[in-house]
Amino acid sequence: MPIYEYRCPSCRAINEAFHRSLEHAKAPACEQCGSDGLRRVVSRFATPKTESQVLEQYGSPGPGAGPDAYRDPRQIGRWAEQRFEEMGVEMPAEAKQMIDAARDGDLPAPVKDL
């Protein structure tokens, strides 16, 4: 039972419609402007990353890191440091302090609860 996406030719809005069967599917009216004549579009989809792609994007998690290392909120610090370096911008001292604290296990309250 797929969900299909449609683009409105009048307002260019993307609309979603659930159809039990594609045989009997009718393009819905636009939810934004009420126009008829929506056209089905190819939906976006996600693809999983290989381990080498993850390592290339985020770097090595470091020695002794387990298989869930990239789910660890402390890895956000590594990612942020790399982005600042790539942009040639110095990381604010306050951000650096927060990253260092997270590496020591002192996570901000919202992250601790995850």
PDB file of N, CA and C in Angstrom:
ATOM      1  N   MET A   1       0.856  -1.174   0.000  1.00  0.00           N
ATOM      2  CA  MET A   1       0.000   0.000   0.000  1.00  0.00           C
ATOM      3  C   MET A   1       0.904   1.239   0.000  1.00  0.00           C
ATOM      4  N   PRO A   2       1.260   1.693  -1.151  1.00  0.00           N
ATOM      5  CA  PRO A   2       2.233   2.782  -1.254  1.00  0.00           C
ATOM      6  C   PRO A   2       1.641   4.172  -1.064  1.00  0.00           C
ATOM      7  N   ILE A   3       2.532   5.059  -0.712  1.00  0.00           N
ATOM      8  CA  ILE A   3       2.205   6.482  -0.653  1.00  0.00           C
ATOM      9  C   ILE A   3       2.883   7.121  -1.857  1.00  0.00           C
ATOM     10  N   TYR A   4       2.131   7.847  -2.646  1.00  0.00           N
ATOM     11  CA  TYR A   4       2.659   8.494  -3.832  1.00  0.00           C
ATOM     12  C   TYR A   4       2.702   9.995  -3.633  1.00  0.00           C
ATOM     13  N   GLU A   5       3.620  10.637  -4.326  1.00  0.00           N
ATOM     14  CA  GLU A   5       3.744  12.094  -4.265  1.00  0.00           C
ATOM     15  C   GLU A   5       3.316  12.686  -5.605  1.00  0.00           C
ATOM     16  N   TYR A   6       2.658  13.828  -5.508  1.00  0.00           N
ATOM     17  CA  TYR A   6       2.166  14.539  -6.684  1.00  0.00           C
ATOM     18  C   TYR A   6       2.571  16.006  -6.585  1.00  0.00           C
ATOM     19  N   ARG A   7       2.875  16.611  -7.735  1.00  0.00           N
ATOM     20  CA  ARG A   7       3.203  18.036  -7.782  1.00  0.00           C
ATOM     21  C   ARG A   7       2.047  18.767  -8.457  1.00  0.00           C
ATOM     22  N   CYS A   8       1.665  19.882  -7.862  1.00  0.00           N
ATOM     23  CA  CYS A   8       0.598  20.711  -8.392  1.00  0.00           C
ATOM     24  C   CYS A   8       1.178  21.628  -9.478  1.00  0.00           C
ATOM     25  N   PRO A   9       0.588  21.642 -10.675  1.00  0.00           N
ATOM     26  CA  PRO A   9       1.101  22.524 -11.723  1.00  0.00           C
ATOM     27  C   PRO A   9       0.813  24.002 -11.448  1.00  0.00           C
ATOM     28  N   SER A  10      -0.171  24.290 -10.614  1.00  0.00           N
ATOM     29  CA  SER A  10      -0.531  25.683 -10.329  1.00  0.00           C
ATOM     30  C   SER A  10       0.372  26.322  -9.288  1.00  0.00           C
ATOM     31  N   CYS A  11       0.498  25.677  -8.120  1.00  0.00           N
ATOM     32  CA  CYS A  11       1.265  26.286  -7.021  1.00  0.00           C
ATOM     33  C   CYS A  11       2.589  25.578  -6.756  1.00  0.00           C
ATOM     34  N   ARG A  12       2.867  24.491  -7.476  1.00  0.00           N
ATOM     35  CA  ARG A  12       4.118  23.726  -7.372  1.00  0.00           C
ATOM     36  C   ARG A  12       4.282  22.987  -6.037  1.00  0.00           C
ATOM     37  N   ALA A  13       3.224  22.909  -5.243  1.00  0.00           N
ATOM     38  CA  ALA A  13       3.282  22.196  -3.960  1.00  0.00           C
ATOM     39  C   ALA A  13       3.362  20.692  -4.205  1.00  0.00           C
ATOM     40  N   ILE A  14       4.024  20.009  -3.290  1.00  0.00           N
ATOM     41  CA  ILE A  14       4.082  18.545  -3.335  1.00  0.00           C
ATOM     42  C   ILE A  14       3.013  18.015  -2.382  1.00  0.00           C
ATOM     43  N   ASN A  15       2.200  17.091  -2.868  1.00  0.00           N
ATOM     44  CA  ASN A  15       1.134  16.482  -2.091  1.00  0.00           C
ATOM     45  C   ASN A  15       1.376  14.985  -2.022  1.00  0.00           C
ATOM     46  N   GLU A  16       0.996  14.367  -0.918  1.00  0.00           N
ATOM     47  CA  GLU A  16       1.120  12.928  -0.766  1.00  0.00           C
ATOM     48  C   GLU A  16      -0.266  12.300  -0.772  1.00  0.00           C
ATOM     49  N   ALA A  17      -0.355  11.097  -1.347  1.00  0.00           N
ATOM     50  CA  ALA A  17      -1.627  10.385  -1.364  1.00  0.00           C
ATOM     51  C   ALA A  17      -1.360   8.903  -1.138  1.00  0.00           C
ATOM     52  N   PHE A  18      -2.148   8.299  -0.295  1.00  0.00           N
ATOM     53  CA  PHE A  18      -2.066   6.879   0.011  1.00  0.00           C
ATOM     54  C   PHE A  18      -3.062   6.163  -0.892  1.00  0.00           C
ATOM     55  N   HIS A  19      -2.606   5.125  -1.587  1.00  0.00           N
ATOM     56  CA  HIS A  19      -3.482   4.338  -2.471  1.00  0.00           C
ATOM     57  C   HIS A  19      -3.374   2.866  -2.105  1.00  0.00           C
ATOM     58  N   ARG A  20      -4.505   2.212  -1.969  1.00  0.00           N
ATOM     59  CA  ARG A  20      -4.488   0.773  -1.686  1.00  0.00           C
ATOM     60  C   ARG A  20      -4.024   0.003  -2.914  1.00  0.00           C
ATOM     61  N   SER A  21      -4.326   0.535  -4.080  1.00  0.00           N
ATOM     62  CA  SER A  21      -3.946  -0.125  -5.324  1.00  0.00           C
ATOM     63  C   SER A  21      -3.672   0.947  -6.370  1.00  0.00           C
ATOM     64  N   LEU A  22      -2.627   0.782  -7.139  1.00  0.00           N
ATOM     65  CA  LEU A  22      -2.307   1.763  -8.168  1.00  0.00           C
ATOM     66  C   LEU A  22      -3.298   1.706  -9.318  1.00  0.00           C
ATOM     67  N   GLU A  23      -3.950   0.536  -9.513  1.00  0.00           N
ATOM     68  CA  GLU A  23      -4.938   0.390 -10.583  1.00  0.00           C
ATOM     69  C   GLU A  23      -6.073   1.401 -10.445  1.00  0.00           C
ATOM     70  N   HIS A  24      -6.519   1.633  -9.233  1.00  0.00           N
ATOM     71  CA  HIS A  24      -7.674   2.501  -8.987  1.00  0.00           C
ATOM     72  C   HIS A  24      -7.268   3.866  -8.458  1.00  0.00           C
ATOM     73  N   ALA A  25      -5.997   4.187  -8.523  1.00  0.00           N
ATOM     74  CA  ALA A  25      -5.498   5.455  -7.975  1.00  0.00           C
ATOM     75  C   ALA A  25      -5.911   6.616  -8.871  1.00  0.00           C
ATOM     76  N   LYS A  26      -6.369   7.672  -8.235  1.00  0.00           N
ATOM     77  CA  LYS A  26      -6.704   8.912  -8.931  1.00  0.00           C
ATOM     78  C   LYS A  26      -5.874  10.023  -8.305  1.00  0.00           C
ATOM     79  N   ALA A  27      -5.374  10.905  -9.128  1.00  0.00           N
ATOM     80  CA  ALA A  27      -4.601  12.026  -8.597  1.00  0.00           C
ATOM     81  C   ALA A  27      -5.518  12.873  -7.725  1.00  0.00           C
ATOM     82  N   PRO A  28      -5.088  13.196  -6.523  1.00  0.00           N
ATOM     83  CA  PRO A  28      -5.923  13.988  -5.617  1.00  0.00           C
ATOM     84  C   PRO A  28      -5.920  15.461  -6.025  1.00  0.00           C
ATOM     85  N   ALA A  29      -6.795  16.217  -5.404  1.00  0.00           N
ATOM     86  CA  ALA A  29      -6.772  17.674  -5.578  1.00  0.00           C
ATOM     87  C   ALA A  29      -5.656  18.226  -4.693  1.00  0.00           C
ATOM     88  N   CYS A  30      -5.079  19.339  -5.090  1.00  0.00           N
ATOM     89  CA  CYS A  30      -3.994  19.946  -4.326  1.00  0.00           C
ATOM     90  C   CYS A  30      -4.492  20.393  -2.958  1.00  0.00           C
ATOM     91  N   GLU A  31      -3.737  20.045  -1.922  1.00  0.00           N
ATOM     92  CA  GLU A  31      -4.106  20.435  -0.560  1.00  0.00           C
ATOM     93  C   GLU A  31      -3.886  21.924  -0.323  1.00  0.00           C
ATOM     94  N   GLN A  32      -3.004  22.546  -1.107  1.00  0.00           N
ATOM     95  CA  GLN A  32      -2.686  23.967  -0.923  1.00  0.00           C
ATOM     96  C   GLN A  32      -3.682  24.883  -1.628  1.00  0.00           C
ATOM     97  N   CYS A  33      -3.920  24.600  -2.926  1.00  0.00           N
ATOM     98  CA  CYS A  33      -4.750  25.529  -3.709  1.00  0.00           C
ATOM     99  C   CYS A  33      -6.027  24.904  -4.252  1.00  0.00           C
ATOM    100  N   GLY A  34      -6.202  23.574  -4.080  1.00  0.00           N
ATOM    101  CA  GLY A  34      -7.412  22.907  -4.530  1.00  0.00           C
ATOM    102  C   GLY A  34      -7.427  22.562  -6.010  1.00  0.00           C
ATOM    103  N   SER A  35      -6.364  22.841  -6.724  1.00  0.00           N
ATOM    104  CA  SER A  35      -6.285  22.600  -8.154  1.00  0.00           C
ATOM    105  C   SER A  35      -6.307  21.105  -8.473  1.00  0.00           C
ATOM    106  N   ASP A  36      -6.894  20.768  -9.626  1.00  0.00           N
ATOM    107  CA  ASP A  36      -6.862  19.397 -10.125  1.00  0.00           C
ATOM    108  C   ASP A  36      -5.687  19.252 -11.082  1.00  0.00           C
ATOM    109  N   GLY A  37      -5.445  18.056 -11.561  1.00  0.00           N
ATOM    110  CA  GLY A  37      -4.409  17.850 -12.558  1.00  0.00           C
ATOM    111  C   GLY A  37      -3.021  17.658 -11.981  1.00  0.00           C
ATOM    112  N   LEU A  38      -2.929  17.181 -10.756  1.00  0.00           N
ATOM    113  CA  LEU A  38      -1.616  16.939 -10.170  1.00  0.00           C
ATOM    114  C   LEU A  38      -0.898  15.846 -10.961  1.00  0.00           C
ATOM    115  N   ARG A  39       0.409  15.948 -11.030  1.00  0.00           N
ATOM    116  CA  ARG A  39       1.237  14.967 -11.736  1.00  0.00           C
ATOM    117  C   ARG A  39       2.077  14.197 -10.724  1.00  0.00           C
ATOM    118  N   ARG A  40       2.121  12.886 -10.926  1.00  0.00           N
ATOM    119  CA  ARG A  40       2.913  12.057 -10.021  1.00  0.00           C
ATOM    120  C   ARG A  40       4.398  12.336 -10.240  1.00  0.00           C
ATOM    121  N   VAL A  41       5.149  12.421  -9.135  1.00  0.00           N
ATOM    122  CA  VAL A  41       6.588  12.663  -9.204  1.00  0.00           C
ATOM    123  C   VAL A  41       7.327  11.494  -8.569  1.00  0.00           C
ATOM    124  N   VAL A  42       8.601  11.383  -8.895  1.00  0.00           N
ATOM    125  CA  VAL A  42       9.433  10.347  -8.296  1.00  0.00           C
ATOM    126  C   VAL A  42       9.788  10.794  -6.888  1.00  0.00           C
ATOM    127  N   SER A  43       9.482   9.965  -5.922  1.00  0.00           N
ATOM    128  CA  SER A  43       9.745  10.290  -4.521  1.00  0.00           C
ATOM    129  C   SER A  43      11.223  10.134  -4.204  1.00  0.00           C
ATOM    130  N   ARG A  44      11.687  10.899  -3.226  1.00  0.00           N
ATOM    131  CA  ARG A  44      13.053  10.737  -2.741  1.00  0.00           C
ATOM    132  C   ARG A  44      13.136   9.473  -1.896  1.00  0.00           C
ATOM    133  N   PHE A  45      14.314   8.927  -1.816  1.00  0.00           N
ATOM    134  CA  PHE A  45      14.511   7.755  -0.986  1.00  0.00           C
ATOM    135  C   PHE A  45      15.908   7.812  -0.388  1.00  0.00           C
ATOM    136  N   ALA A  46      16.099   7.049   0.648  1.00  0.00           N
ATOM    137  CA  ALA A  46      17.386   7.021   1.341  1.00  0.00           C
ATOM    138  C   ALA A  46      18.117   5.728   1.007  1.00  0.00           C
ATOM    139  N   THR A  47      19.427   5.811   0.988  1.00  0.00           N
ATOM    140  CA  THR A  47      20.228   4.615   0.806  1.00  0.00           C
ATOM    141  C   THR A  47      21.186   4.500   1.986  1.00  0.00           C
ATOM    142  N   PRO A  48      21.385   3.300   2.469  1.00  0.00           N
ATOM    143  CA  PRO A  48      22.326   3.150   3.586  1.00  0.00           C
ATOM    144  C   PRO A  48      23.756   3.406   3.123  1.00  0.00           C
ATOM    145  N   LYS A  49      24.593   3.852   4.051  1.00  0.00           N
ATOM    146  CA  LYS A  49      25.993   4.103   3.745  1.00  0.00           C
ATOM    147  C   LYS A  49      26.815   2.871   4.086  1.00  0.00           C
ATOM    148  N   THR A  50      27.836   2.653   3.273  1.00  0.00           N
ATOM    149  CA  THR A  50      28.763   1.579   3.578  1.00  0.00           C
ATOM    150  C   THR A  50      29.677   2.036   4.707  1.00  0.00           C
ATOM    151  N   GLU A  51      30.380   1.093   5.312  1.00  0.00           N
ATOM    152  CA  GLU A  51      31.294   1.450   6.395  1.00  0.00           C
ATOM    153  C   GLU A  51      32.368   2.411   5.903  1.00  0.00           C
ATOM    154  N   SER A  52      32.863   2.200   4.680  1.00  0.00           N
ATOM    155  CA  SER A  52      33.902   3.094   4.156  1.00  0.00           C
ATOM    156  C   SER A  52      33.357   4.501   3.930  1.00  0.00           C
ATOM    157  N   GLN A  53      32.091   4.631   3.522  1.00  0.00           N
ATOM    158  CA  GLN A  53      31.491   5.954   3.351  1.00  0.00           C
ATOM    159  C   GLN A  53      31.336   6.660   4.692  1.00  0.00           C
ATOM    160  N   VAL A  54      30.960   5.913   5.726  1.00  0.00           N
ATOM    161  CA  VAL A  54      30.826   6.499   7.064  1.00  0.00           C
ATOM    162  C   VAL A  54      32.181   6.979   7.558  1.00  0.00           C
ATOM    163  N   LEU A  55      33.206   6.147   7.385  1.00  0.00           N
ATOM    164  CA  LEU A  55      34.552   6.532   7.808  1.00  0.00           C
ATOM    165  C   LEU A  55      35.043   7.752   7.046  1.00  0.00           C
ATOM    166  N   GLU A  56      34.741   7.802   5.754  1.00  0.00           N
ATOM    167  CA  GLU A  56      35.160   8.952   4.944  1.00  0.00           C
ATOM    168  C   GLU A  56      34.476  10.235   5.407  1.00  0.00           C
ATOM    169  N   GLN A  57      33.195  10.140   5.732  1.00  0.00           N
ATOM    170  CA  GLN A  57      32.445  11.327   6.130  1.00  0.00           C
ATOM    171  C   GLN A  57      32.737  11.753   7.565  1.00  0.00           C
ATOM    172  N   TYR A  58      32.832  10.807   8.490  1.00  0.00           N
ATOM    173  CA  TYR A  58      32.934  11.153   9.905  1.00  0.00           C
ATOM    174  C   TYR A  58      34.298  10.877  10.526  1.00  0.00           C
ATOM    175  N   GLY A  59      35.141  10.173   9.806  1.00  0.00           N
ATOM    176  CA  GLY A  59      36.449   9.840  10.366  1.00  0.00           C
ATOM    177  C   GLY A  59      36.360   8.616  11.251  1.00  0.00           C
ATOM    178  N   SER A  60      37.505   8.168  11.682  1.00  0.00           N
ATOM    179  CA  SER A  60      37.581   6.997  12.543  1.00  0.00           C
ATOM    180  C   SER A  60      37.098   7.366  13.945  1.00  0.00           C
ATOM    181  N   PRO A  61      36.310   6.501  14.582  1.00  0.00           N
ATOM    182  CA  PRO A  61      35.812   6.819  15.926  1.00  0.00           C
ATOM    183  C   PRO A  61      36.871   6.756  17.005  1.00  0.00           C
ATOM    184  N   GLY A  62      38.033   6.263  16.676  1.00  0.00           N
ATOM    185  CA  GLY A  62      39.111   6.209  17.665  1.00  0.00           C
ATOM    186  C   GLY A  62      39.287   4.818  18.217  1.00  0.00           C
ATOM    187  N   PRO A  63      40.389   4.604  18.918  1.00  0.00           N
ATOM    188  CA  PRO A  63      40.693   3.267  19.437  1.00  0.00           C
ATOM    189  C   PRO A  63      39.687   2.832  20.499  1.00  0.00           C
ATOM    190  N   GLY A  64      39.327   1.554  20.446  1.00  0.00           N
ATOM    191  CA  GLY A  64      38.443   0.984  21.457  1.00  0.00           C
ATOM    192  C   GLY A  64      36.977   1.325  21.281  1.00  0.00           C
ATOM    193  N   ALA A  65      36.613   2.007  20.199  1.00  0.00           N
ATOM    194  CA  ALA A  65      35.209   2.380  19.976  1.00  0.00           C
ATOM    195  C   ALA A  65      34.423   1.157  19.521  1.00  0.00           C
ATOM    196  N   GLY A  66      33.224   1.034  20.010  1.00  0.00           N
ATOM    197  CA  GLY A  66      32.378  -0.094  19.651  1.00  0.00           C
ATOM    198  C   GLY A  66      31.634   0.137  18.353  1.00  0.00           C
ATOM    199  N   PRO A  67      30.789  -0.826  17.948  1.00  0.00           N
ATOM    200  CA  PRO A  67      30.066  -0.726  16.682  1.00  0.00           C
ATOM    201  C   PRO A  67      29.047   0.418  16.645  1.00  0.00           C
ATOM    202  N   ASP A  68      28.625   0.907  17.803  1.00  0.00           N
ATOM    203  CA  ASP A  68      27.649   2.002  17.849  1.00  0.00           C
ATOM    204  C   ASP A  68      28.315   3.364  18.020  1.00  0.00           C
ATOM    205  N   ALA A  69      29.590   3.453  17.724  1.00  0.00           N
ATOM    206  CA  ALA A  69      30.340   4.688  17.957  1.00  0.00           C
ATOM    207  C   ALA A  69      29.733   5.874  17.229  1.00  0.00           C
ATOM    208  N   TYR A  70      29.210   5.678  16.039  1.00  0.00           N
ATOM    209  CA  TYR A  70      28.679   6.807  15.278  1.00  0.00           C
ATOM    210  C   TYR A  70      27.283   7.209  15.737  1.00  0.00           C
ATOM    211  N   ARG A  71      26.681   6.428  16.610  1.00  0.00           N
ATOM    212  CA  ARG A  71      25.411   6.829  17.208  1.00  0.00           C
ATOM    213  C   ARG A  71      25.652   7.605  18.495  1.00  0.00           C
ATOM    214  N   ASP A  72      26.876   7.617  18.935  1.00  0.00           N
ATOM    215  CA  ASP A  72      27.266   8.296  20.167  1.00  0.00           C
ATOM    216  C   ASP A  72      27.231   9.807  19.938  1.00  0.00           C
ATOM    217  N   PRO A  73      26.465  10.569  20.725  1.00  0.00           N
ATOM    218  CA  PRO A  73      26.357  12.014  20.525  1.00  0.00           C
ATOM    219  C   PRO A  73      27.704  12.731  20.604  1.00  0.00           C
ATOM    220  N   ARG A  74      28.678  12.116  21.274  1.00  0.00           N
ATOM    221  CA  ARG A  74      29.989  12.755  21.367  1.00  0.00           C
ATOM    222  C   ARG A  74      30.670  12.839  20.011  1.00  0.00           C
ATOM    223  N   GLN A  75      30.244  11.994  19.053  1.00  0.00           N
ATOM    224  CA  GLN A  75      30.834  12.023  17.720  1.00  0.00           C
ATOM    225  C   GLN A  75      30.439  13.296  16.964  1.00  0.00           C
ATOM    226  N   ILE A  76      29.401  13.944  17.394  1.00  0.00           N
ATOM    227  CA  ILE A  76      29.000  15.204  16.765  1.00  0.00           C
ATOM    228  C   ILE A  76      30.142  16.207  16.861  1.00  0.00           C
ATOM    229  N   GLY A  77      30.886  16.157  17.952  1.00  0.00           N
ATOM    230  CA  GLY A  77      32.021  17.057  18.134  1.00  0.00           C
ATOM    231  C   GLY A  77      33.070  16.865  17.053  1.00  0.00           C
ATOM    232  N   ARG A  78      33.390  15.614  16.743  1.00  0.00           N
ATOM    233  CA  ARG A  78      34.364  15.318  15.693  1.00  0.00           C
ATOM    234  C   ARG A  78      33.875  15.877  14.364  1.00  0.00           C
ATOM    235  N   TRP A  79      32.589  15.657  14.076  1.00  0.00           N
ATOM    236  CA  TRP A  79      31.999  16.152  12.833  1.00  0.00           C
ATOM    237  C   TRP A  79      32.076  17.680  12.782  1.00  0.00           C
ATOM    238  N   ALA A  80      31.721  18.354  13.885  1.00  0.00           N
ATOM    239  CA  ALA A  80      31.740  19.825  13.924  1.00  0.00           C
ATOM    240  C   ALA A  80      33.159  20.353  13.729  1.00  0.00           C
ATOM    241  N   GLU A  81      34.121  19.725  14.370  1.00  0.00           N
ATOM    242  CA  GLU A  81      35.509  20.157  14.213  1.00  0.00           C
ATOM    243  C   GLU A  81      35.957  20.047  12.756  1.00  0.00           C
ATOM    244  N   GLN A  82      35.586  18.953  12.116  1.00  0.00           N
ATOM    245  CA  GLN A  82      35.961  18.766  10.712  1.00  0.00           C
ATOM    246  C   GLN A  82      35.306  19.811   9.812  1.00  0.00           C
ATOM    247  N   ARG A  83      34.039  20.132  10.062  1.00  0.00           N
ATOM    248  CA  ARG A  83      33.355  21.122   9.225  1.00  0.00           C
ATOM    249  C   ARG A  83      33.990  22.505   9.394  1.00  0.00           C
ATOM    250  N   PHE A  84      34.315  22.887  10.633  1.00  0.00           N
ATOM    251  CA  PHE A  84      34.967  24.180  10.859  1.00  0.00           C
ATOM    252  C   PHE A  84      36.312  24.219  10.136  1.00  0.00           C
ATOM    253  N   GLU A  85      37.056  23.115  10.229  1.00  0.00           N
ATOM    254  CA  GLU A  85      38.367  23.055   9.579  1.00  0.00           C
ATOM    255  C   GLU A  85      38.224  23.166   8.063  1.00  0.00           C
ATOM    256  N   GLU A  86      37.251  22.454   7.481  1.00  0.00           N
ATOM    257  CA  GLU A  86      37.021  22.507   6.037  1.00  0.00           C
ATOM    258  C   GLU A  86      36.656  23.914   5.572  1.00  0.00           C
ATOM    259  N   MET A  87      35.916  24.635   6.398  1.00  0.00           N
ATOM    260  CA  MET A  87      35.504  25.997   6.027  1.00  0.00           C
ATOM    261  C   MET A  87      36.585  27.027   6.314  1.00  0.00           C
ATOM    262  N   GLY A  88      37.636  26.609   7.010  1.00  0.00           N
ATOM    263  CA  GLY A  88      38.708  27.538   7.330  1.00  0.00           C
ATOM    264  C   GLY A  88      38.311  28.564   8.371  1.00  0.00           C
ATOM    265  N   VAL A  89      37.375  28.175   9.243  1.00  0.00           N
ATOM    266  CA  VAL A  89      36.875  29.066  10.284  1.00  0.00           C
ATOM    267  C   VAL A  89      37.287  28.501  11.636  1.00  0.00           C
ATOM    268  N   GLU A  90      37.698  29.375  12.542  1.00  0.00           N
ATOM    269  CA  GLU A  90      38.074  28.924  13.872  1.00  0.00           C
ATOM    270  C   GLU A  90      36.817  28.615  14.681  1.00  0.00           C
ATOM    271  N   MET A  91      36.849  27.473  15.338  1.00  0.00           N
ATOM    272  CA  MET A  91      35.711  27.070  16.159  1.00  0.00           C
ATOM    273  C   MET A  91      35.633  27.971  17.389  1.00  0.00           C
ATOM    274  N   PRO A  92      34.441  28.450  17.740  1.00  0.00           N
ATOM    275  CA  PRO A  92      34.294  29.274  18.940  1.00  0.00           C
ATOM    276  C   PRO A  92      34.752  28.509  20.187  1.00  0.00           C
ATOM    277  N   ALA A  93      35.379  29.203  21.100  1.00  0.00           N
ATOM    278  CA  ALA A  93      35.916  28.589  22.319  1.00  0.00           C
ATOM    279  C   ALA A  93      34.822  27.878  23.109  1.00  0.00           C
ATOM    280  N   GLU A  94      33.638  28.469  23.168  1.00  0.00           N
ATOM    281  CA  GLU A  94      32.530  27.867  23.911  1.00  0.00           C
ATOM    282  C   GLU A  94      32.150  26.504  23.318  1.00  0.00           C
ATOM    283  N   ALA A  95      32.122  26.409  21.989  1.00  0.00           N
ATOM    284  CA  ALA A  95      31.800  25.141  21.334  1.00  0.00           C
ATOM    285  C   ALA A  95      32.887  24.113  21.608  1.00  0.00           C
ATOM    286  N   LYS A  96      34.136  24.532  21.547  1.00  0.00           N
ATOM    287  CA  LYS A  96      35.268  23.638  21.815  1.00  0.00           C
ATOM    288  C   LYS A  96      35.185  23.091  23.247  1.00  0.00           C
ATOM    289  N   GLN A  97      34.820  23.948  24.203  1.00  0.00           N
ATOM    290  CA  GLN A  97      34.692  23.514  25.599  1.00  0.00           C
ATOM    291  C   GLN A  97      33.586  22.466  25.747  1.00  0.00           C
ATOM    292  N   MET A  98      32.466  22.679  25.060  1.00  0.00           N
ATOM    293  CA  MET A  98      31.356  21.724  25.125  1.00  0.00           C
ATOM    294  C   MET A  98      31.762  20.377  24.528  1.00  0.00           C
ATOM    295  N   ILE A  99      32.503  20.407  23.426  1.00  0.00           N
ATOM    296  CA  ILE A  99      32.954  19.170  22.791  1.00  0.00           C
ATOM    297  C   ILE A  99      33.911  18.424  23.707  1.00  0.00           C
ATOM    298  N   ASP A 100      34.862  19.145  24.295  1.00  0.00           N
ATOM    299  CA  ASP A 100      35.812  18.514  25.208  1.00  0.00           C
ATOM    300  C   ASP A 100      35.098  17.910  26.420  1.00  0.00           C
ATOM    301  N   ALA A 101      34.109  18.610  26.939  1.00  0.00           N
ATOM    302  CA  ALA A 101      33.342  18.092  28.076  1.00  0.00           C
ATOM    303  C   ALA A 101      32.585  16.824  27.677  1.00  0.00           C
ATOM    304  N   ALA A 102      32.007  16.807  26.474  1.00  0.00           N
ATOM    305  CA  ALA A 102      31.278  15.625  26.007  1.00  0.00           C
ATOM    306  C   ALA A 102      32.217  14.433  25.877  1.00  0.00           C
ATOM    307  N   ARG A 103      33.426  14.685  25.415  1.00  0.00           N
ATOM    308  CA  ARG A 103      34.406  13.593  25.289  1.00  0.00           C
ATOM    309  C   ARG A 103      34.769  13.016  26.652  1.00  0.00           C
ATOM    310  N   ASP A 104      34.675  13.836  27.676  1.00  0.00           N
ATOM    311  CA  ASP A 104      34.956  13.372  29.036  1.00  0.00           C
ATOM    312  C   ASP A 104      33.728  12.752  29.695  1.00  0.00           C
ATOM    313  N   GLY A 105      32.599  12.700  28.945  1.00  0.00           N
ATOM    314  CA  GLY A 105      31.382  12.085  29.465  1.00  0.00           C
ATOM    315  C   GLY A 105      30.394  13.051  30.064  1.00  0.00           C
ATOM    316  N   ASP A 106      30.698  14.333  30.071  1.00  0.00           N
ATOM    317  CA  ASP A 106      29.797  15.347  30.619  1.00  0.00           C
ATOM    318  C   ASP A 106      28.920  15.871  29.485  1.00  0.00           C
ATOM    319  N   LEU A 107      27.799  15.168  29.223  1.00  0.00           N
ATOM    320  CA  LEU A 107      26.918  15.523  28.118  1.00  0.00           C
ATOM    321  C   LEU A 107      25.874  16.539  28.560  1.00  0.00           C
ATOM    322  N   PRO A 108      25.439  17.422  27.664  1.00  0.00           N
ATOM    323  CA  PRO A 108      24.360  18.356  27.984  1.00  0.00           C
ATOM    324  C   PRO A 108      23.087  17.589  28.332  1.00  0.00           C
ATOM    325  N   ALA A 109      22.238  18.169  29.142  1.00  0.00           N
ATOM    326  CA  ALA A 109      21.017  17.502  29.637  1.00  0.00           C
ATOM    327  C   ALA A 109      20.175  16.866  28.544  1.00  0.00           C
ATOM    328  N   PRO A 110      19.859  17.556  27.426  1.00  0.00           N
ATOM    329  CA  PRO A 110      19.015  16.908  26.419  1.00  0.00           C
ATOM    330  C   PRO A 110      19.629  15.651  25.821  1.00  0.00           C
ATOM    331  N   VAL A 111      20.945  15.590  25.739  1.00  0.00           N
ATOM    332  CA  VAL A 111      21.607  14.424  25.155  1.00  0.00           C
ATOM    333  C   VAL A 111      21.655  13.280  26.155  1.00  0.00           C
ATOM    334  N   LYS A 112      21.801  13.577  27.433  1.00  0.00           N
ATOM    335  CA  LYS A 112      21.861  12.544  28.457  1.00  0.00           C
ATOM    336  C   LYS A 112      20.601  11.692  28.460  1.00  0.00           C
ATOM    337  N   ASP A 113      19.458  12.309  28.131  1.00  0.00           N
ATOM    338  CA  ASP A 113      18.180  11.622  28.216  1.00  0.00           C
ATOM    339  C   ASP A 113      17.913  10.710  27.027  1.00  0.00           C
ATOM    340  N   LEU A 114      18.736  10.749  25.996  1.00  0.00           N
ATOM    341  CA  LEU A 114      18.488   9.926  24.813  1.00  0.00           C
ATOM    342  C   LEU A 114      18.794   8.473  25.060  1.00  0.00           C
TER     343      LEU A 114
END
